[in-house]
């Protein structure tokens, strides 16, 4: 089978690999669509394990079923979580699935930017989900990133009527905008450094899109009844955005950091202001199985219109171009690879 092997952001090669064989409890899935995630182009993170086949936002069709599998059959349309929790450790039992050691080590083989993937038994058991007929394969690639978004907003305690500021209007930011709208947020504001993404933010449901070069806190007060944002969601690791978040959150409000900085980057934090203003700072990573199931329903019901976020659909042979588009972060948002196109 063909795979797209990642060496670095500028070197992604189409190579050949033997199609995986399934063992007991496993599945073989024909990958019909695979989204390029912003984390796929975090070169400082990915290059340590290169060469490797990336791609974890997948949807496809089951073509082989291992011995003992009862819940799935050949022909089923599915999406699959690459990371799944054990559900039995100290962290899982306390609801902290994202820091489960099993979640951090599980994956499917070899990766979504390939024609076929083997789904290990643990992923079959708790990370494989049937796609409803109303959900296309390309929509299915959004189930995993939307689950991550859902977990983040749940941890941040978003509730109807709150004002929300999303800093960074790439794909994560746009999903946060759409989800916040679906969950009943009040006014939603978006910030980015590019006009293209500000336009996309407005299309996704932001009431006002603000260029990052503006004085965002001052602008917020002018358009938000004299107040800052109740919830600030940071979808970029850029250090100016981090400081902007601290300056833009209302008293009693929450900052959700959804994107990481590079390792060893430090940011000054004014604890006095946080304490005096009773602000909360939340981190969020990944999405447990329950959020995957909820994401499927949000997409099926049209509450989150993910197809509006797709800007490029490419064949496997064009994966290098897809990585270039995502890494440049100019006039692209969601790039979907279709291995059998």
Protein backbone atom coordinates (compact mmCIF):
# COMPACT_ATOMS: atom_id res chain seq x y z
CA UNK A 1 0.00 0.00 0.00
CA UNK A 2 0.99 3.64 -0.37
CA UNK A 3 1.86 5.81 2.61
CA UNK A 4 2.95 9.41 3.08
CA UNK A 5 6.15 9.25 5.15
CA UNK A 6 6.94 12.36 7.19
CA UNK A 7 10.60 13.42 7.49
CA UNK A 8 9.97 17.11 8.22
CA UNK A 9 7.45 19.77 7.25
CA UNK A 10 9.13 20.24 3.88
CA UNK A 11 9.85 16.59 3.20
CA UNK A 12 6.86 14.25 3.00
CA UNK A 13 7.40 11.32 0.62
CA UNK A 14 5.05 8.81 -0.94
CA UNK A 15 6.46 5.37 -0.17
CA UNK A 16 5.34 1.74 -0.17
CA UNK A 17 4.63 -0.38 2.89
CA UNK A 18 3.10 -3.81 3.31
CA UNK A 19 -0.61 -3.63 4.06
CA UNK A 20 -1.04 -4.54 7.75
CA UNK A 21 -2.51 -7.90 8.75
CA UNK A 22 -5.04 -8.01 11.55
CA UNK A 23 -4.77 -10.21 14.59
CA UNK A 24 -7.38 -11.27 17.14
CA UNK A 25 -9.59 -8.38 18.23
CA UNK A 26 -8.23 -6.03 15.55
CA UNK A 27 -9.63 -4.27 12.49
CA UNK A 28 -8.25 -3.23 9.13
CA UNK A 29 -9.71 0.07 7.94
CA UNK A 30 -9.52 1.49 4.45
CA UNK A 31 -8.79 5.18 5.04
CA UNK A 32 -11.21 7.29 3.02
CA UNK A 33 -10.32 10.66 4.55
CA UNK A 34 -7.67 11.93 6.95
CA UNK A 35 -7.34 15.48 8.22
CA UNK A 36 -4.05 17.30 8.72
CA UNK A 37 -4.00 18.56 12.31
CA UNK A 38 -2.11 21.64 13.42
CA UNK A 39 -0.12 19.36 15.72
CA UNK A 40 1.06 17.40 12.66
CA UNK A 41 3.11 20.43 11.56
CA UNK A 42 4.58 21.19 15.00
CA UNK A 43 7.98 20.24 13.64
CA UNK A 44 9.81 20.61 16.95
CA UNK A 45 7.49 17.91 18.31
CA UNK A 46 7.21 15.57 15.33
CA UNK A 47 10.75 15.50 14.02
CA UNK A 48 12.06 13.68 17.09
CA UNK A 49 10.25 10.53 15.94
CA UNK A 50 10.71 10.97 12.17
CA UNK A 51 10.49 9.26 9.80
CA UNK A 52 6.92 8.23 10.58
CA UNK A 53 3.44 8.16 9.12
CA UNK A 54 1.28 10.83 10.72
CA UNK A 55 -2.47 11.33 10.55
CA UNK A 56 -4.85 10.75 13.46
CA UNK A 57 -8.10 12.38 12.27
CA UNK A 58 -9.47 9.54 10.16
CA UNK A 59 -12.63 8.07 8.75
CA UNK A 60 -12.91 4.97 6.63
CA UNK A 61 -14.45 1.60 5.93
CA UNK A 62 -13.71 -1.70 7.67
CA UNK A 63 -12.28 -4.22 5.19
CA UNK A 64 -11.10 -6.97 7.54
CA UNK A 65 -12.19 -8.11 11.01
CA UNK A 66 -9.99 -10.04 13.42
CA UNK A 67 -11.08 -13.11 15.34
CA UNK A 68 -13.32 -12.30 18.29
CA UNK A 69 -14.59 -8.92 17.09
CA UNK A 70 -18.37 -8.86 17.58
CA UNK A 71 -19.42 -5.19 17.39
CA UNK A 72 -18.10 -4.44 13.90
CA UNK A 73 -18.26 -6.04 10.48
CA UNK A 74 -16.76 -5.60 7.03
CA UNK A 75 -18.35 -2.62 5.32
CA UNK A 76 -19.00 -0.58 8.45
CA UNK A 77 -18.20 3.12 8.11
CA UNK A 78 -16.16 4.24 11.13
CA UNK A 79 -14.03 6.88 12.72
CA UNK A 80 -11.31 5.82 15.15
CA UNK A 81 -9.57 7.51 18.07
CA UNK A 82 -5.81 7.07 17.88
CA UNK A 83 -5.34 7.65 21.64
CA UNK A 84 -7.62 5.80 24.06
CA UNK A 85 -7.59 5.68 27.88
CA UNK A 86 -7.37 2.57 30.02
CA UNK A 87 -10.45 3.61 32.07
CA UNK A 88 -9.06 1.90 35.18
CA UNK A 89 -6.03 3.90 36.38
CA UNK A 90 -6.00 6.58 39.09
CA UNK A 91 -6.29 9.35 36.51
CA UNK A 92 -9.14 7.82 34.52
CA UNK A 93 -11.12 7.03 37.67
CA UNK A 94 -10.83 10.69 38.63
CA UNK A 95 -11.90 11.89 35.18
CA UNK A 96 -8.44 12.97 34.02
CA UNK A 97 -8.28 10.80 30.89
CA UNK A 98 -5.83 13.10 29.10
CA UNK A 99 -3.01 12.23 31.51
CA UNK A 100 -3.61 8.47 31.42
CA UNK A 101 -0.38 6.70 30.44
CA UNK A 102 -2.30 4.32 28.18
CA UNK A 103 -3.88 7.22 26.30
CA UNK A 104 -0.46 8.72 25.67
CA UNK A 105 0.99 5.49 24.27
CA UNK A 106 -1.85 4.02 22.21
CA UNK A 107 -2.13 4.57 18.46
CA UNK A 108 -3.20 2.87 15.27
CA UNK A 109 -0.72 1.60 12.65
CA UNK A 110 0.89 3.07 10.66
CA UNK A 111 -0.99 6.41 10.59
CA UNK A 112 -3.85 8.08 8.81
CA UNK A 113 -1.88 9.26 5.80
CA UNK A 114 -1.90 5.79 4.31
CA UNK A 115 -4.29 3.66 2.32
CA UNK A 116 -5.04 1.26 5.19
CA UNK A 117 -4.58 1.24 8.96
CA UNK A 118 -4.61 -1.56 11.53
CA UNK A 119 -6.68 -0.80 14.61
CA UNK A 120 -5.29 -2.50 17.76
CA UNK A 121 -7.62 -4.35 20.09
CA UNK A 122 -7.77 -1.61 22.74
CA UNK A 123 -8.69 1.00 20.11
CA UNK A 124 -11.35 -1.34 18.72
CA UNK A 125 -12.76 -1.80 22.21
CA UNK A 126 -13.04 1.85 23.25
CA UNK A 127 -12.04 4.08 20.34
CA UNK A 128 -13.93 2.92 17.24
CA UNK A 129 -17.27 4.52 16.39
CA UNK A 130 -19.83 3.86 13.66
CA UNK A 131 -20.47 6.87 11.43
CA UNK A 132 -24.19 7.51 10.84
CA UNK A 133 -25.29 7.51 7.21
CA UNK A 134 -25.80 11.28 7.42
CA UNK A 135 -22.12 11.87 8.28
CA UNK A 136 -19.71 11.78 5.34
CA UNK A 137 -16.17 10.46 5.57
CA UNK A 138 -14.73 13.98 5.37
CA UNK A 139 -17.05 15.08 8.17
CA UNK A 140 -15.88 12.04 10.11
CA UNK A 141 -12.34 13.42 10.18
CA UNK A 142 -13.60 16.17 12.50
CA UNK A 143 -14.90 13.84 15.20
CA UNK A 144 -11.57 13.60 17.05
CA UNK A 145 -10.66 17.33 16.96
CA UNK A 146 -14.22 18.29 17.89
CA UNK A 147 -14.04 15.88 20.85
CA UNK A 148 -10.89 17.67 22.01
CA UNK A 149 -12.72 20.99 21.66
CA UNK A 150 -15.72 19.68 23.57
CA UNK A 151 -13.58 18.49 26.48
CA UNK A 152 -11.84 21.87 26.64
CA UNK A 153 -15.06 23.86 26.81
CA UNK A 154 -16.55 21.47 29.33
CA UNK A 155 -13.48 21.80 31.57
CA UNK A 156 -13.64 25.58 31.20
CA UNK A 157 -17.25 25.53 32.36
CA UNK A 158 -18.76 27.32 29.37
CA UNK A 159 -22.42 28.08 29.97
CA UNK A 160 -25.11 29.86 27.95
CA UNK A 161 -24.85 33.61 27.71
CA UNK A 162 -21.13 33.89 28.44
CA UNK A 163 -18.99 36.06 26.22
CA UNK A 164 -16.16 34.14 24.57
CA UNK A 165 -12.90 35.38 23.05
CA UNK A 166 -11.01 32.93 20.81
CA UNK A 167 -7.38 33.89 20.19
CA UNK A 168 -6.05 32.13 17.08
CA UNK A 169 -8.54 31.44 14.29
CA UNK A 170 -7.02 28.36 12.73
CA UNK A 171 -8.98 25.12 12.65
CA UNK A 172 -9.00 24.71 16.44
CA UNK A 173 -10.17 28.26 16.96
CA UNK A 174 -12.92 27.89 14.36
CA UNK A 175 -14.15 24.67 15.96
CA UNK A 176 -14.25 26.45 19.31
CA UNK A 177 -16.29 29.25 17.75
CA UNK A 178 -18.79 26.86 16.20
CA UNK A 179 -19.06 24.73 19.33
CA UNK A 180 -19.46 27.74 21.64
CA UNK A 181 -22.27 28.95 19.40
CA UNK A 182 -23.91 25.51 19.49
CA UNK A 183 -23.66 25.40 23.28
CA UNK A 184 -25.37 28.74 23.70
CA UNK A 185 -22.56 31.21 24.28
CA UNK A 186 -23.45 34.89 24.18
CA UNK A 187 -21.26 37.16 22.09
CA UNK A 188 -18.25 35.47 20.48
CA UNK A 189 -15.11 37.37 19.48
CA UNK A 190 -12.16 36.10 17.45
CA UNK A 191 -8.57 37.29 17.13
CA UNK A 192 -5.94 36.41 14.54
CA UNK A 193 -2.98 37.92 12.71
CA UNK A 194 -4.30 37.25 9.20
CA UNK A 195 -7.28 38.82 7.44
CA UNK A 196 -8.12 35.51 5.75
CA UNK A 197 -8.61 33.71 9.04
CA UNK A 198 -10.53 36.63 10.50
CA UNK A 199 -12.97 36.28 7.60
CA UNK A 200 -13.22 32.54 8.29
CA UNK A 201 -13.86 33.25 11.97
CA UNK A 202 -16.74 35.53 11.06
CA UNK A 203 -18.12 32.86 8.71
CA UNK A 204 -17.82 30.27 11.49
CA UNK A 205 -20.01 32.33 13.79
CA UNK A 206 -17.89 34.98 15.51
CA UNK A 207 -19.84 38.19 16.10
CA UNK A 208 -16.71 40.33 15.79
CA UNK A 209 -13.28 39.48 14.36
CA UNK A 210 -10.39 41.56 15.72
CA UNK A 211 -6.90 41.84 14.23
CA UNK A 212 -4.23 40.91 16.76
CA UNK A 213 -2.36 44.17 16.12
CA UNK A 214 -5.24 46.09 17.72
CA UNK A 215 -5.49 46.77 21.45
CA UNK A 216 -7.77 43.81 22.02
CA UNK A 217 -8.79 44.57 25.65
CA UNK A 218 -9.73 48.15 24.77
CA UNK A 219 -11.64 46.98 21.70
CA UNK A 220 -13.46 44.33 23.74
CA UNK A 221 -14.70 46.86 26.28
CA UNK A 222 -16.06 49.04 23.48
CA UNK A 223 -18.11 46.24 21.94
CA UNK A 224 -18.94 44.14 25.00
CA UNK A 225 -20.81 46.53 27.29
CA UNK A 226 -17.64 47.70 29.00
CA UNK A 227 -16.51 44.22 29.92
CA UNK A 228 -13.75 41.86 28.88
CA UNK A 229 -14.48 38.23 27.93
CA UNK A 230 -15.91 35.73 30.40
CA UNK A 231 -14.01 32.91 28.69
CA UNK A 232 -10.79 33.32 26.71
CA UNK A 233 -9.70 30.34 24.62
CA UNK A 234 -6.09 30.41 23.39
CA UNK A 235 -5.57 28.34 20.24
CA UNK A 236 -2.00 29.38 19.47
CA UNK A 237 1.30 28.91 21.25
CA UNK A 238 2.55 32.38 20.30
CA UNK A 239 3.75 34.12 23.46
CA UNK A 240 2.11 37.51 22.63
CA UNK A 241 -1.23 35.69 22.49
CA UNK A 242 -0.68 34.31 25.98
CA UNK A 243 -0.20 37.77 27.45
CA UNK A 244 -3.14 39.02 25.43
CA UNK A 245 -5.29 36.35 27.04
CA UNK A 246 -4.38 37.45 30.57
CA UNK A 247 -5.19 41.04 29.62
CA UNK A 248 -8.53 40.15 28.02
CA UNK A 249 -10.31 38.04 30.64
CA UNK A 250 -13.08 39.55 32.76
CA UNK A 251 -13.11 39.36 36.56
CA UNK A 252 -14.30 35.90 37.58
CA UNK A 253 -13.56 34.63 34.09
CA UNK A 254 -11.58 31.70 32.78
CA UNK A 255 -8.64 31.27 30.40
CA UNK A 256 -8.47 27.98 28.51
CA UNK A 257 -5.07 27.20 27.03
CA UNK A 258 -5.80 24.82 24.17
CA UNK A 259 -2.46 24.99 22.33
CA UNK A 260 1.05 24.43 23.71
CA UNK A 261 4.16 26.53 23.42
CA UNK A 262 7.44 24.91 22.53
CA UNK A 263 9.14 23.19 25.49
CA UNK A 264 10.99 25.41 27.97
CA UNK A 265 9.14 28.58 26.92
CA UNK A 266 8.29 30.57 30.04
CA UNK A 267 5.69 33.29 30.38
CA UNK A 268 5.43 35.80 33.22
CA UNK A 269 2.18 35.51 35.15
CA UNK A 270 0.85 38.22 37.47
CA UNK A 271 -0.52 36.07 40.27
CA UNK A 272 -1.77 39.14 42.13
CA UNK A 273 -4.10 40.02 39.25
CA UNK A 274 -5.31 36.43 38.93
CA UNK A 275 -5.96 36.24 42.67
CA UNK A 276 -7.59 39.65 42.93
CA UNK A 277 -9.82 39.03 39.90
CA UNK A 278 -10.65 35.42 40.85
CA UNK A 279 -9.63 34.12 37.42
CA UNK A 280 -9.20 30.45 36.56
CA UNK A 281 -6.59 29.03 34.20
CA UNK A 282 -7.43 25.70 32.53
CA UNK A 283 -5.39 23.40 30.27
CA UNK A 284 -6.93 20.79 28.00
CA UNK A 285 -5.62 18.04 25.75
CA UNK A 286 -7.26 15.16 23.86
CA UNK A 287 -10.85 13.96 24.10
CA UNK A 288 -12.15 10.82 25.85
CA UNK A 289 -14.51 8.32 24.18
CA UNK A 290 -17.69 9.91 25.52
CA UNK A 291 -16.77 13.18 23.83
CA UNK A 292 -16.09 11.34 20.57
CA UNK A 293 -19.64 9.98 20.68
CA UNK A 294 -21.07 13.41 21.44
CA UNK A 295 -19.04 14.94 18.60
CA UNK A 296 -20.56 12.50 16.12
CA UNK A 297 -24.04 13.55 17.21
CA UNK A 298 -23.20 17.28 17.03
CA UNK A 299 -22.00 16.79 13.45
CA UNK A 300 -24.91 14.52 12.49
CA UNK A 301 -27.44 17.02 13.81
CA UNK A 302 -25.77 19.90 11.97
CA UNK A 303 -25.06 21.76 15.22
CA UNK A 304 -21.42 22.06 14.15
CA UNK A 305 -21.06 22.53 10.40
CA UNK A 306 -17.60 21.14 9.84
CA UNK A 307 -17.74 20.98 6.03
CA UNK A 308 -17.69 24.78 5.98
CA UNK A 309 -14.17 24.61 7.44
CA UNK A 310 -12.63 22.44 4.70
CA UNK A 311 -10.55 24.52 2.30
CA UNK A 312 -8.58 21.79 0.50
CA UNK A 313 -9.27 18.18 -0.46
CA UNK A 314 -6.13 16.43 -1.76
CA UNK A 315 -5.09 12.95 -2.82
CA UNK A 316 -2.41 10.99 -0.97
CA UNK A 317 0.17 11.96 -3.60
CA UNK A 318 -0.45 15.60 -2.66
CA UNK A 319 0.17 15.17 1.07
CA UNK A 320 3.38 17.20 0.89
CA UNK A 321 1.39 20.11 -0.51
CA UNK A 322 -1.12 19.69 2.30
CA UNK A 323 1.61 19.93 4.92
CA UNK A 324 3.00 23.02 3.20
CA UNK A 325 -0.42 24.70 3.26
CA UNK A 326 -1.03 23.92 6.92
CA UNK A 327 2.48 24.88 8.03
CA UNK A 328 2.32 28.22 6.20
CA UNK A 329 -1.06 29.00 7.80
CA UNK A 330 -2.04 31.51 5.15
CA UNK A 331 -5.09 30.84 2.99
CA UNK A 332 -6.02 27.41 4.25
CA UNK A 333 -7.90 26.13 7.25
CA UNK A 334 -8.69 22.43 7.08
CA UNK A 335 -6.82 20.24 4.63
CA UNK A 336 -8.24 16.74 4.16
CA UNK A 337 -6.26 13.96 2.50
CA UNK A 338 -8.23 11.34 0.58
CA UNK A 339 -5.86 8.36 0.13
CA UNK A 340 -7.98 6.62 -2.54
CA UNK A 341 -8.84 9.73 -4.53
